Amino acid sequence: MILYIVIAVIILILIYFLVTYNDLIKKNNLVKEAFSTMDIYLKKGGI
């Protein structure tokens, strides 16, 4: 019985890390996109 609890806890921790990692990747992509947009505006002379 304890083995099942330990396995469940390990699986939950892995899921937590995967979701957190995925969220960080999404945020990193948003930041890169924002900087790309600023670079385009600066090259066009819009700002």
PDB file of N, CA and C in Angstrom:
ATOM      1  N   MET A   1       0.829  -1.199   0.000  1.00  0.00           N
ATOM      2  CA  MET A   1       0.000   0.000   0.000  1.00  0.00           C
ATOM      3  C   MET A   1       0.866   1.253   0.000  1.00  0.00           C
ATOM      4  N   ILE A   2       1.921   1.238   0.804  1.00  0.00           N
ATOM      5  CA  ILE A   2       2.808   2.395   0.869  1.00  0.00           C
ATOM      6  C   ILE A   2       3.506   2.597  -0.472  1.00  0.00           C
ATOM      7  N   LEU A   3       3.798   1.498  -1.152  1.00  0.00           N
ATOM      8  CA  LEU A   3       4.446   1.587  -2.460  1.00  0.00           C
ATOM      9  C   LEU A   3       3.581   2.362  -3.447  1.00  0.00           C
ATOM     10  N   TYR A   4       2.273   2.121  -3.436  1.00  0.00           N
ATOM     11  CA  TYR A   4       1.361   2.844  -4.326  1.00  0.00           C
ATOM     12  C   TYR A   4       1.345   4.343  -4.019  1.00  0.00           C
ATOM     13  N   ILE A   5       1.394   4.683  -2.753  1.00  0.00           N
ATOM     14  CA  ILE A   5       1.397   6.093  -2.353  1.00  0.00           C
ATOM     15  C   ILE A   5       2.689   6.763  -2.823  1.00  0.00           C
ATOM     16  N   VAL A   6       3.808   6.091  -2.658  1.00  0.00           N
ATOM     17  CA  VAL A   6       5.095   6.637  -3.083  1.00  0.00           C
ATOM     18  C   VAL A   6       5.107   6.833  -4.595  1.00  0.00           C
ATOM     19  N   ILE A   7       4.626   5.856  -5.336  1.00  0.00           N
ATOM     20  CA  ILE A   7       4.569   5.958  -6.793  1.00  0.00           C
ATOM     21  C   ILE A   7       3.653   7.112  -7.205  1.00  0.00           C
ATOM     22  N   ALA A   8       2.512   7.259  -6.550  1.00  0.00           N
ATOM     23  CA  ALA A   8       1.579   8.342  -6.871  1.00  0.00           C
ATOM     24  C   ALA A   8       2.214   9.701  -6.602  1.00  0.00           C
ATOM     25  N   VAL A   9       2.944   9.836  -5.507  1.00  0.00           N
ATOM     26  CA  VAL A   9       3.600  11.098  -5.176  1.00  0.00           C
ATOM     27  C   VAL A   9       4.670  11.421  -6.213  1.00  0.00           C
ATOM     28  N   ILE A  10       5.440  10.424  -6.620  1.00  0.00           N
ATOM     29  CA  ILE A  10       6.477  10.643  -7.636  1.00  0.00           C
ATOM     30  C   ILE A  10       5.846  11.067  -8.955  1.00  0.00           C
ATOM     31  N   ILE A  11       4.754  10.439  -9.341  1.00  0.00           N
ATOM     32  CA  ILE A  11       4.067  10.803 -10.582  1.00  0.00           C
ATOM     33  C   ILE A  11       3.530  12.228 -10.498  1.00  0.00           C
ATOM     34  N   LEU A  12       2.962  12.604  -9.365  1.00  0.00           N
ATOM     35  CA  LEU A  12       2.452  13.968  -9.212  1.00  0.00           C
ATOM     36  C   LEU A  12       3.576  14.996  -9.281  1.00  0.00           C
ATOM     37  N   ILE A  13       4.714  14.693  -8.693  1.00  0.00           N
ATOM     38  CA  ILE A  13       5.857  15.605  -8.755  1.00  0.00           C
ATOM     39  C   ILE A  13       6.343  15.748 -10.191  1.00  0.00           C
ATOM     40  N   LEU A  14       6.414  14.645 -10.931  1.00  0.00           N
ATOM     41  CA  LEU A  14       6.828  14.706 -12.331  1.00  0.00           C
ATOM     42  C   LEU A  14       5.859  15.535 -13.168  1.00  0.00           C
ATOM     43  N   ILE A  15       4.574  15.339 -12.942  1.00  0.00           N
ATOM     44  CA  ILE A  15       3.566  16.120 -13.673  1.00  0.00           C
ATOM     45  C   ILE A  15       3.719  17.603 -13.347  1.00  0.00           C
ATOM     46  N   TYR A  16       3.942  17.923 -12.088  1.00  0.00           N
ATOM     47  CA  TYR A  16       4.130  19.316 -11.675  1.00  0.00           C
ATOM     48  C   TYR A  16       5.324  19.942 -12.404  1.00  0.00           C
ATOM     49  N   PHE A  17       6.448  19.218 -12.449  1.00  0.00           N
ATOM     50  CA  PHE A  17       7.634  19.753 -13.111  1.00  0.00           C
ATOM     51  C   PHE A  17       7.420  19.908 -14.611  1.00  0.00           C
ATOM     52  N   LEU A  18       6.721  18.968 -15.232  1.00  0.00           N
ATOM     53  CA  LEU A  18       6.455  19.073 -16.664  1.00  0.00           C
ATOM     54  C   LEU A  18       5.568  20.274 -16.974  1.00  0.00           C
ATOM     55  N   VAL A  19       4.534  20.484 -16.175  1.00  0.00           N
ATOM     56  CA  VAL A  19       3.634  21.621 -16.390  1.00  0.00           C
ATOM     57  C   VAL A  19       4.374  22.931 -16.158  1.00  0.00           C
ATOM     58  N   THR A  20       5.181  22.997 -15.119  1.00  0.00           N
ATOM     59  CA  THR A  20       5.943  24.202 -14.823  1.00  0.00           C
ATOM     60  C   THR A  20       6.942  24.502 -15.938  1.00  0.00           C
ATOM     61  N   TYR A  21       7.639  23.483 -16.422  1.00  0.00           N
ATOM     62  CA  TYR A  21       8.599  23.659 -17.502  1.00  0.00           C
ATOM     63  C   TYR A  21       7.898  24.159 -18.766  1.00  0.00           C
ATOM     64  N   ASN A  22       6.756  23.564 -19.083  1.00  0.00           N
ATOM     65  CA  ASN A  22       5.990  23.972 -20.256  1.00  0.00           C
ATOM     66  C   ASN A  22       5.557  25.436 -20.136  1.00  0.00           C
ATOM     67  N   ASP A  23       5.141  25.847 -18.958  1.00  0.00           N
ATOM     68  CA  ASP A  23       4.728  27.233 -18.733  1.00  0.00           C
ATOM     69  C   ASP A  23       5.901  28.193 -18.911  1.00  0.00           C
ATOM     70  N   LEU A  24       7.071  27.801 -18.414  1.00  0.00           N
ATOM     71  CA  LEU A  24       8.248  28.653 -18.566  1.00  0.00           C
ATOM     72  C   LEU A  24       8.635  28.786 -20.037  1.00  0.00           C
ATOM     73  N   ILE A  25       8.522  27.716 -20.798  1.00  0.00           N
ATOM     74  CA  ILE A  25       8.832  27.777 -22.228  1.00  0.00           C
ATOM     75  C   ILE A  25       7.861  28.713 -22.941  1.00  0.00           C
ATOM     76  N   LYS A  26       6.579  28.634 -22.591  1.00  0.00           N
ATOM     77  CA  LYS A  26       5.584  29.528 -23.204  1.00  0.00           C
ATOM     78  C   LYS A  26       5.905  30.989 -22.896  1.00  0.00           C
ATOM     79  N   LYS A  27       6.251  31.277 -21.643  1.00  0.00           N
ATOM     80  CA  LYS A  27       6.568  32.656 -21.258  1.00  0.00           C
ATOM     81  C   LYS A  27       7.836  33.145 -21.965  1.00  0.00           C
ATOM     82  N   ASN A  28       8.816  32.266 -22.100  1.00  0.00           N
ATOM     83  CA  ASN A  28      10.042  32.626 -22.801  1.00  0.00           C
ATOM     84  C   ASN A  28       9.739  32.960 -24.264  1.00  0.00           C
ATOM     85  N   ASN A  29       8.867  32.196 -24.899  1.00  0.00           N
ATOM     86  CA  ASN A  29       8.495  32.464 -26.279  1.00  0.00           C
ATOM     87  C   ASN A  29       7.761  33.795 -26.409  1.00  0.00           C
ATOM     88  N   LEU A  30       6.915  34.121 -25.428  1.00  0.00           N
ATOM     89  CA  LEU A  30       6.215  35.405 -25.462  1.00  0.00           C
ATOM     90  C   LEU A  30       7.192  36.576 -25.354  1.00  0.00           C
ATOM     91  N   VAL A  31       8.202  36.440 -24.507  1.00  0.00           N
ATOM     92  CA  VAL A  31       9.198  37.491 -24.359  1.00  0.00           C
ATOM     93  C   VAL A  31       9.987  37.657 -25.650  1.00  0.00           C
ATOM     94  N   LYS A  32      10.397  36.540 -26.266  1.00  0.00           N
ATOM     95  CA  LYS A  32      11.129  36.613 -27.532  1.00  0.00           C
ATOM     96  C   LYS A  32      10.278  37.276 -28.610  1.00  0.00           C
ATOM     97  N   GLU A  33       8.993  36.936 -28.639  1.00  0.00           N
ATOM     98  CA  GLU A  33       8.090  37.533 -29.626  1.00  0.00           C
ATOM     99  C   GLU A  33       7.955  39.040 -29.400  1.00  0.00           C
ATOM    100  N   ALA A  34       7.879  39.455 -28.149  1.00  0.00           N
ATOM    101  CA  ALA A  34       7.751  40.880 -27.843  1.00  0.00           C
ATOM    102  C   ALA A  34       9.001  41.638 -28.292  1.00  0.00           C
ATOM    103  N   PHE A  35      10.181  41.071 -28.045  1.00  0.00           N
ATOM    104  CA  PHE A  35      11.407  41.733 -28.476  1.00  0.00           C
ATOM    105  C   PHE A  35      11.502  41.771 -30.000  1.00  0.00           C
ATOM    106  N   SER A  36      11.036  40.722 -30.668  1.00  0.00           N
ATOM    107  CA  SER A  36      11.046  40.722 -32.128  1.00  0.00           C
ATOM    108  C   SER A  36      10.145  41.818 -32.667  1.00  0.00           C
ATOM    109  N   THR A  37       8.996  41.984 -32.043  1.00  0.00           N
ATOM    110  CA  THR A  37       8.073  43.038 -32.467  1.00  0.00           C
ATOM    111  C   THR A  37       8.701  44.413 -32.286  1.00  0.00           C
ATOM    112  N   MET A  38       9.388  44.620 -31.164  1.00  0.00           N
ATOM    113  CA  MET A  38      10.057  45.905 -30.944  1.00  0.00           C
ATOM    114  C   MET A  38      11.142  46.132 -31.984  1.00  0.00           C
ATOM    115  N   ASP A  39      11.891  45.079 -32.317  1.00  0.00           N
ATOM    116  CA  ASP A  39      12.940  45.225 -33.334  1.00  0.00           C
ATOM    117  C   ASP A  39      12.348  45.612 -34.680  1.00  0.00           C
ATOM    118  N   ILE A  40      11.215  45.025 -35.041  1.00  0.00           N
ATOM    119  CA  ILE A  40      10.573  45.354 -36.319  1.00  0.00           C
ATOM    120  C   ILE A  40      10.154  46.814 -36.324  1.00  0.00           C
ATOM    121  N   TYR A  41       9.552  47.284 -35.240  1.00  0.00           N
ATOM    122  CA  TYR A  41       9.127  48.690 -35.177  1.00  0.00           C
ATOM    123  C   TYR A  41      10.341  49.626 -35.262  1.00  0.00           C
ATOM    124  N   LEU A  42      11.422  49.259 -34.595  1.00  0.00           N
ATOM    125  CA  LEU A  42      12.606  50.113 -34.642  1.00  0.00           C
ATOM    126  C   LEU A  42      13.214  50.142 -36.032  1.00  0.00           C
ATOM    127  N   LYS A  43      13.212  49.012 -36.733  1.00  0.00           N
ATOM    128  CA  LYS A  43      13.759  48.979 -38.090  1.00  0.00           C
ATOM    129  C   LYS A  43      12.898  49.779 -39.056  1.00  0.00           C
ATOM    130  N   LYS A  44      11.584  49.770 -38.837  1.00  0.00           N
ATOM    131  CA  LYS A  44      10.684  50.540 -39.696  1.00  0.00           C
ATOM    132  C   LYS A  44      10.756  52.029 -39.374  1.00  0.00           C
ATOM    133  N   GLY A  45      11.290  52.396 -38.215  1.00  0.00           N
ATOM    134  CA  GLY A  45      11.351  53.784 -37.813  1.00  0.00           C
ATOM    135  C   GLY A  45      10.060  54.259 -37.183  1.00  0.00           C
ATOM    136  N   GLY A  46       9.270  53.317 -36.692  1.00  0.00           N
ATOM    137  CA  GLY A  46       7.982  53.661 -36.114  1.00  0.00           C
ATOM    138  C   GLY A  46       8.080  54.285 -34.741  1.00  0.00           C
ATOM    139  N   ILE A  47       9.167  54.017 -34.054  1.00  0.00           N
ATOM    140  CA  ILE A  47       9.314  54.555 -32.700  1.00  0.00           C
ATOM    141  C   ILE A  47      10.457  55.542 -32.679  1.00  0.00           C
TER     142      ILE A  47
END
